[in-house]
Amino acid sequence: MKYNEISHFSHPEHRLTYDYTQVPFLCDGCNEPGIGSHYKCTTCNHDLHVHCALPSPSISHPFYTKCTFQFLTNPPGSAPRYCNACQKDISGFVYHCKACGFDLHPCCAKLPTTLDDG
């Protein structure tokens, strides 16, 4: 395996290669749009955000101090879920807090907590 390739459970058929693009793509993990750094299958156009390709099993977030979020490949339960950061529907990979019921898209969970104006 090359240094810029990974094997991923969501796409066992082929290896994914690290890439950078200025063309928007749809992540096949969280089903959210992306641009920039990502992992892709050059054979069949399977794309993953870096955060979806290499997720942490669990995370904490400074905005949700009482929560411990676990990475899940699908939202829990059968009811529709939404991201508590961006308010958009969740239909794929998610960080979920079982205690609170909060959910975060992987990319929302990794957003910076402060803005730098230059």
N, C-alpha and C. Protein backbone atom coordinates (compact mmCIF):
# COMPACT_ATOMS: atom_id res chain seq x y z
N MET A 1 0.85 -1.17 0.00
CA MET A 1 0.00 0.00 0.00
C MET A 1 0.90 1.24 0.00
N LYS A 2 0.54 2.22 -0.80
CA LYS A 2 1.28 3.47 -0.86
C LYS A 2 0.96 4.34 0.35
N TYR A 3 1.83 5.28 0.66
CA TYR A 3 1.65 6.12 1.85
C TYR A 3 0.39 6.97 1.78
N ASN A 4 -0.10 7.27 0.57
CA ASN A 4 -1.29 8.11 0.43
C ASN A 4 -2.55 7.31 0.14
N GLU A 5 -2.52 6.00 0.41
CA GLU A 5 -3.68 5.14 0.20
C GLU A 5 -4.14 4.54 1.52
N ILE A 6 -5.45 4.32 1.60
CA ILE A 6 -6.02 3.64 2.77
C ILE A 6 -7.02 2.60 2.29
N SER A 7 -7.25 1.61 3.13
CA SER A 7 -8.38 0.70 2.96
C SER A 7 -9.46 1.21 3.90
N HIS A 8 -10.72 1.17 3.46
CA HIS A 8 -11.79 1.70 4.28
C HIS A 8 -12.98 0.75 4.29
N PHE A 9 -13.58 0.56 5.47
CA PHE A 9 -14.68 -0.39 5.63
C PHE A 9 -15.88 -0.04 4.75
N SER A 10 -16.06 1.23 4.41
CA SER A 10 -17.22 1.62 3.61
C SER A 10 -17.05 1.30 2.14
N HIS A 11 -15.81 0.95 1.76
CA HIS A 11 -15.53 0.67 0.35
C HIS A 11 -14.42 -0.38 0.25
N PRO A 12 -14.73 -1.61 0.63
CA PRO A 12 -13.69 -2.65 0.67
C PRO A 12 -13.21 -3.12 -0.70
N GLU A 13 -13.93 -2.77 -1.76
CA GLU A 13 -13.58 -3.24 -3.09
C GLU A 13 -12.25 -2.68 -3.60
N HIS A 14 -11.95 -1.42 -3.25
CA HIS A 14 -10.76 -0.75 -3.76
C HIS A 14 -10.13 0.11 -2.66
N ARG A 15 -8.88 0.43 -2.84
CA ARG A 15 -8.21 1.37 -1.94
C ARG A 15 -8.60 2.80 -2.30
N LEU A 16 -8.55 3.66 -1.30
CA LEU A 16 -8.85 5.07 -1.50
C LEU A 16 -7.54 5.85 -1.47
N THR A 17 -7.43 6.83 -2.35
CA THR A 17 -6.22 7.62 -2.48
C THR A 17 -6.49 9.05 -1.99
N TYR A 18 -5.53 9.59 -1.26
CA TYR A 18 -5.64 10.98 -0.80
C TYR A 18 -5.57 11.90 -2.01
N ASP A 19 -6.45 12.90 -2.02
CA ASP A 19 -6.51 13.81 -3.16
C ASP A 19 -6.94 15.19 -2.67
N TYR A 20 -6.67 16.19 -3.47
CA TYR A 20 -7.15 17.54 -3.22
C TYR A 20 -7.85 18.03 -4.47
N THR A 21 -9.04 18.58 -4.30
CA THR A 21 -9.79 19.06 -5.45
C THR A 21 -10.44 20.40 -5.15
N GLN A 22 -10.55 21.22 -6.18
CA GLN A 22 -11.32 22.46 -6.06
C GLN A 22 -12.71 22.28 -6.65
N VAL A 23 -13.00 21.05 -7.08
CA VAL A 23 -14.31 20.71 -7.61
C VAL A 23 -15.12 20.07 -6.49
N PRO A 24 -16.31 20.56 -6.19
CA PRO A 24 -17.12 19.97 -5.11
C PRO A 24 -17.41 18.49 -5.37
N PHE A 25 -17.50 17.73 -4.27
CA PHE A 25 -17.84 16.31 -4.33
C PHE A 25 -18.87 16.02 -3.25
N LEU A 26 -19.54 14.89 -3.36
CA LEU A 26 -20.47 14.43 -2.34
C LEU A 26 -19.80 13.29 -1.58
N CYS A 27 -19.67 13.44 -0.28
CA CYS A 27 -19.04 12.41 0.54
C CYS A 27 -19.97 11.21 0.63
N ASP A 28 -19.43 10.03 0.33
CA ASP A 28 -20.23 8.80 0.38
C ASP A 28 -20.33 8.25 1.80
N GLY A 29 -19.72 8.92 2.77
CA GLY A 29 -19.84 8.51 4.17
C GLY A 29 -20.97 9.23 4.87
N CYS A 30 -20.86 10.55 4.92
CA CYS A 30 -21.87 11.35 5.64
C CYS A 30 -22.93 11.92 4.70
N ASN A 31 -22.72 11.78 3.40
CA ASN A 31 -23.65 12.29 2.38
C ASN A 31 -23.77 13.81 2.36
N GLU A 32 -22.70 14.48 2.77
CA GLU A 32 -22.64 15.94 2.74
C GLU A 32 -21.63 16.38 1.68
N PRO A 33 -21.80 17.58 1.12
CA PRO A 33 -20.85 18.06 0.12
C PRO A 33 -19.49 18.36 0.74
N GLY A 34 -18.49 18.33 -0.10
CA GLY A 34 -17.14 18.65 0.34
C GLY A 34 -16.35 19.27 -0.79
N ILE A 35 -15.21 19.83 -0.43
CA ILE A 35 -14.26 20.40 -1.38
C ILE A 35 -12.91 20.38 -0.70
N GLY A 36 -11.86 20.24 -1.46
CA GLY A 36 -10.52 20.24 -0.87
C GLY A 36 -10.01 18.84 -0.64
N SER A 37 -9.34 18.64 0.48
CA SER A 37 -8.72 17.35 0.81
C SER A 37 -9.77 16.28 1.05
N HIS A 38 -9.53 15.10 0.48
CA HIS A 38 -10.44 13.97 0.67
C HIS A 38 -9.76 12.69 0.20
N TYR A 39 -10.41 11.57 0.44
CA TYR A 39 -9.96 10.28 -0.07
C TYR A 39 -10.95 9.84 -1.13
N LYS A 40 -10.41 9.32 -2.24
CA LYS A 40 -11.29 8.93 -3.32
C LYS A 40 -10.85 7.63 -3.96
N CYS A 41 -11.82 6.91 -4.50
CA CYS A 41 -11.55 5.72 -5.31
C CYS A 41 -11.53 6.18 -6.75
N THR A 42 -10.39 6.04 -7.38
CA THR A 42 -10.28 6.47 -8.77
C THR A 42 -10.96 5.50 -9.73
N THR A 43 -11.28 4.30 -9.25
CA THR A 43 -11.95 3.31 -10.09
C THR A 43 -13.45 3.58 -10.20
N CYS A 44 -14.09 3.90 -9.08
CA CYS A 44 -15.56 4.00 -9.12
C CYS A 44 -16.12 5.27 -8.48
N ASN A 45 -15.29 6.29 -8.27
CA ASN A 45 -15.77 7.59 -7.82
C ASN A 45 -16.40 7.57 -6.44
N HIS A 46 -15.83 6.82 -5.51
CA HIS A 46 -16.26 6.81 -4.11
C HIS A 46 -15.41 7.85 -3.38
N ASP A 47 -16.04 8.84 -2.74
CA ASP A 47 -15.33 9.94 -2.09
C ASP A 47 -15.67 9.99 -0.61
N LEU A 48 -14.67 10.33 0.20
CA LEU A 48 -14.87 10.53 1.64
C LEU A 48 -14.11 11.76 2.11
N HIS A 49 -14.77 12.59 2.90
CA HIS A 49 -14.03 13.65 3.60
C HIS A 49 -12.90 12.99 4.39
N VAL A 50 -11.86 13.71 4.66
CA VAL A 50 -10.78 13.18 5.50
C VAL A 50 -11.34 12.78 6.86
N HIS A 51 -12.24 13.59 7.42
CA HIS A 51 -12.83 13.29 8.74
C HIS A 51 -13.70 12.04 8.71
N CYS A 52 -14.27 11.73 7.58
CA CYS A 52 -15.09 10.52 7.45
C CYS A 52 -14.21 9.31 7.15
N ALA A 53 -13.11 9.52 6.44
CA ALA A 53 -12.20 8.42 6.11
C ALA A 53 -11.39 7.96 7.32
N LEU A 54 -11.06 8.90 8.19
CA LEU A 54 -10.20 8.61 9.34
C LEU A 54 -10.86 9.12 10.63
N PRO A 55 -12.03 8.58 10.97
CA PRO A 55 -12.75 9.10 12.13
C PRO A 55 -12.14 8.65 13.46
N SER A 56 -12.28 9.50 14.45
CA SER A 56 -11.96 9.09 15.82
C SER A 56 -13.13 8.27 16.34
N PRO A 57 -12.87 7.19 17.09
CA PRO A 57 -13.98 6.38 17.61
C PRO A 57 -14.92 7.17 18.52
N SER A 58 -14.36 8.11 19.28
CA SER A 58 -15.17 8.97 20.14
C SER A 58 -14.50 10.33 20.25
N ILE A 59 -15.31 11.34 20.47
CA ILE A 59 -14.80 12.71 20.59
C ILE A 59 -15.58 13.44 21.68
N SER A 60 -14.99 14.51 22.17
CA SER A 60 -15.72 15.48 22.98
C SER A 60 -15.70 16.78 22.18
N HIS A 61 -16.57 17.70 22.56
CA HIS A 61 -16.64 18.97 21.83
C HIS A 61 -16.82 20.09 22.85
N PRO A 62 -16.08 21.19 22.71
CA PRO A 62 -16.17 22.26 23.71
C PRO A 62 -17.54 22.95 23.78
N PHE A 63 -18.35 22.84 22.75
CA PHE A 63 -19.68 23.44 22.79
C PHE A 63 -20.70 22.54 23.50
N TYR A 64 -20.35 21.27 23.65
CA TYR A 64 -21.25 20.29 24.28
C TYR A 64 -20.46 19.59 25.39
N THR A 65 -20.23 20.30 26.48
CA THR A 65 -19.30 19.84 27.51
C THR A 65 -19.76 18.60 28.26
N LYS A 66 -21.05 18.32 28.27
CA LYS A 66 -21.55 17.14 28.99
C LYS A 66 -21.66 15.91 28.08
N CYS A 67 -21.26 16.06 26.82
CA CYS A 67 -21.43 14.98 25.84
C CYS A 67 -20.14 14.25 25.53
N THR A 68 -20.28 12.97 25.28
CA THR A 68 -19.23 12.16 24.65
C THR A 68 -19.86 11.58 23.40
N PHE A 69 -19.31 11.93 22.26
CA PHE A 69 -19.86 11.52 20.98
C PHE A 69 -19.14 10.28 20.47
N GLN A 70 -19.91 9.31 20.04
CA GLN A 70 -19.38 8.07 19.45
C GLN A 70 -19.61 8.12 17.94
N PHE A 71 -18.62 7.66 17.19
CA PHE A 71 -18.76 7.60 15.74
C PHE A 71 -19.66 6.42 15.37
N LEU A 72 -20.67 6.68 14.54
CA LEU A 72 -21.57 5.65 14.04
C LEU A 72 -21.63 5.73 12.52
N THR A 73 -21.78 4.59 11.86
CA THR A 73 -21.86 4.60 10.41
C THR A 73 -23.25 4.99 9.91
N ASN A 74 -24.25 4.87 10.78
CA ASN A 74 -25.62 5.26 10.45
C ASN A 74 -26.24 5.92 11.66
N PRO A 75 -27.17 6.86 11.45
CA PRO A 75 -27.84 7.46 12.60
C PRO A 75 -28.60 6.41 13.40
N PRO A 76 -28.66 6.56 14.72
CA PRO A 76 -29.36 5.57 15.54
C PRO A 76 -30.88 5.69 15.40
N GLY A 77 -31.56 4.57 15.57
CA GLY A 77 -33.01 4.56 15.56
C GLY A 77 -33.60 4.72 14.17
N SER A 78 -34.91 4.81 14.15
CA SER A 78 -35.61 4.92 12.86
C SER A 78 -36.17 6.32 12.61
N ALA A 79 -36.17 7.16 13.62
CA ALA A 79 -36.68 8.53 13.46
C ALA A 79 -35.63 9.39 12.73
N PRO A 80 -36.08 10.35 11.95
CA PRO A 80 -35.13 11.26 11.28
C PRO A 80 -34.25 11.97 12.30
N ARG A 81 -32.99 12.16 11.96
CA ARG A 81 -32.03 12.83 12.85
C ARG A 81 -31.51 14.08 12.14
N TYR A 82 -31.09 15.06 12.93
CA TYR A 82 -30.48 16.26 12.36
C TYR A 82 -29.23 16.62 13.16
N CYS A 83 -28.33 17.33 12.52
CA CYS A 83 -27.09 17.75 13.15
C CYS A 83 -27.39 18.92 14.09
N ASN A 84 -26.94 18.83 15.33
CA ASN A 84 -27.17 19.88 16.30
C ASN A 84 -26.30 21.11 16.06
N ALA A 85 -25.35 21.03 15.12
CA ALA A 85 -24.53 22.20 14.79
C ALA A 85 -25.12 22.96 13.61
N CYS A 86 -25.40 22.27 12.49
CA CYS A 86 -25.86 22.96 11.28
C CYS A 86 -27.35 22.82 11.02
N GLN A 87 -28.02 21.95 11.79
CA GLN A 87 -29.47 21.73 11.69
C GLN A 87 -29.90 20.98 10.42
N LYS A 88 -28.93 20.47 9.64
CA LYS A 88 -29.27 19.70 8.43
C LYS A 88 -29.50 18.24 8.79
N ASP A 89 -30.27 17.55 7.96
CA ASP A 89 -30.55 16.13 8.17
C ASP A 89 -29.27 15.31 8.19
N ILE A 90 -29.30 14.23 8.92
CA ILE A 90 -28.19 13.27 8.96
C ILE A 90 -28.66 12.00 8.28
N SER A 91 -27.89 11.55 7.30
CA SER A 91 -28.28 10.34 6.58
C SER A 91 -27.12 9.37 6.39
N GLY A 92 -26.03 9.61 7.10
CA GLY A 92 -24.86 8.74 6.96
C GLY A 92 -24.03 8.78 8.23
N PHE A 93 -22.69 8.80 8.08
CA PHE A 93 -21.79 8.82 9.22
C PHE A 93 -22.17 9.97 10.16
N VAL A 94 -22.05 9.71 11.46
CA VAL A 94 -22.47 10.69 12.46
C VAL A 94 -21.70 10.46 13.76
N TYR A 95 -21.49 11.54 14.51
CA TYR A 95 -21.05 11.44 15.90
C TYR A 95 -22.31 11.62 16.75
N HIS A 96 -22.59 10.65 17.62
CA HIS A 96 -23.82 10.63 18.40
C HIS A 96 -23.50 10.54 19.89
N CYS A 97 -24.17 11.38 20.68
CA CYS A 97 -24.08 11.29 22.14
C CYS A 97 -25.30 10.51 22.63
N LYS A 98 -25.05 9.32 23.13
CA LYS A 98 -26.15 8.47 23.60
C LYS A 98 -26.86 9.09 24.80
N ALA A 99 -26.12 9.74 25.69
CA ALA A 99 -26.70 10.31 26.91
C ALA A 99 -27.66 11.47 26.60
N CYS A 100 -27.27 12.34 25.68
CA CYS A 100 -28.07 13.53 25.37
C CYS A 100 -28.93 13.39 24.12
N GLY A 101 -28.53 12.49 23.24
CA GLY A 101 -29.24 12.34 21.97
C GLY A 101 -28.78 13.32 20.91
N PHE A 102 -27.71 14.07 21.19
CA PHE A 102 -27.20 15.03 20.21
C PHE A 102 -26.44 14.32 19.11
N ASP A 103 -26.46 14.92 17.93
CA ASP A 103 -25.76 14.38 16.76
C ASP A 103 -24.96 15.47 16.09
N LEU A 104 -23.81 15.10 15.53
CA LEU A 104 -22.98 16.02 14.75
C LEU A 104 -22.48 15.33 13.50
N HIS A 105 -22.58 16.02 12.35
CA HIS A 105 -21.90 15.52 11.16
C HIS A 105 -20.40 15.48 11.49
N PRO A 106 -19.65 14.55 10.95
CA PRO A 106 -18.20 14.52 11.22
C PRO A 106 -17.51 15.85 10.87
N CYS A 107 -17.88 16.47 9.76
CA CYS A 107 -17.25 17.75 9.40
C CYS A 107 -17.67 18.88 10.34
N CYS A 108 -18.90 18.87 10.81
CA CYS A 108 -19.34 19.88 11.77
C CYS A 108 -18.61 19.72 13.10
N ALA A 109 -18.38 18.47 13.49
CA ALA A 109 -17.68 18.20 14.74
C ALA A 109 -16.24 18.71 14.69
N LYS A 110 -15.67 18.79 13.50
CA LYS A 110 -14.26 19.19 13.35
C LYS A 110 -14.08 20.65 12.96
N LEU A 111 -15.16 21.40 12.90
CA LEU A 111 -15.04 22.82 12.57
C LEU A 111 -14.27 23.55 13.69
N PRO A 112 -13.52 24.60 13.32
CA PRO A 112 -12.83 25.36 14.37
C PRO A 112 -13.83 26.01 15.32
N THR A 113 -13.44 26.17 16.56
CA THR A 113 -14.35 26.74 17.56
C THR A 113 -14.22 28.27 17.64
N THR A 114 -13.21 28.82 16.99
CA THR A 114 -13.06 30.27 16.93
C THR A 114 -12.78 30.68 15.48
N LEU A 115 -13.17 31.88 15.14
CA LEU A 115 -12.92 32.41 13.80
C LEU A 115 -11.76 33.38 13.87
N ASP A 116 -10.88 33.29 12.90
CA ASP A 116 -9.73 34.19 12.80
C ASP A 116 -9.99 35.16 11.65
N ASP A 117 -10.10 36.44 11.96
CA ASP A 117 -10.42 37.40 10.91
C ASP A 117 -9.20 37.96 10.19
N GLY A 118 -8.07 37.32 10.37
CA GLY A 118 -6.94 37.70 9.55
C GLY A 118 -5.73 38.03 10.29
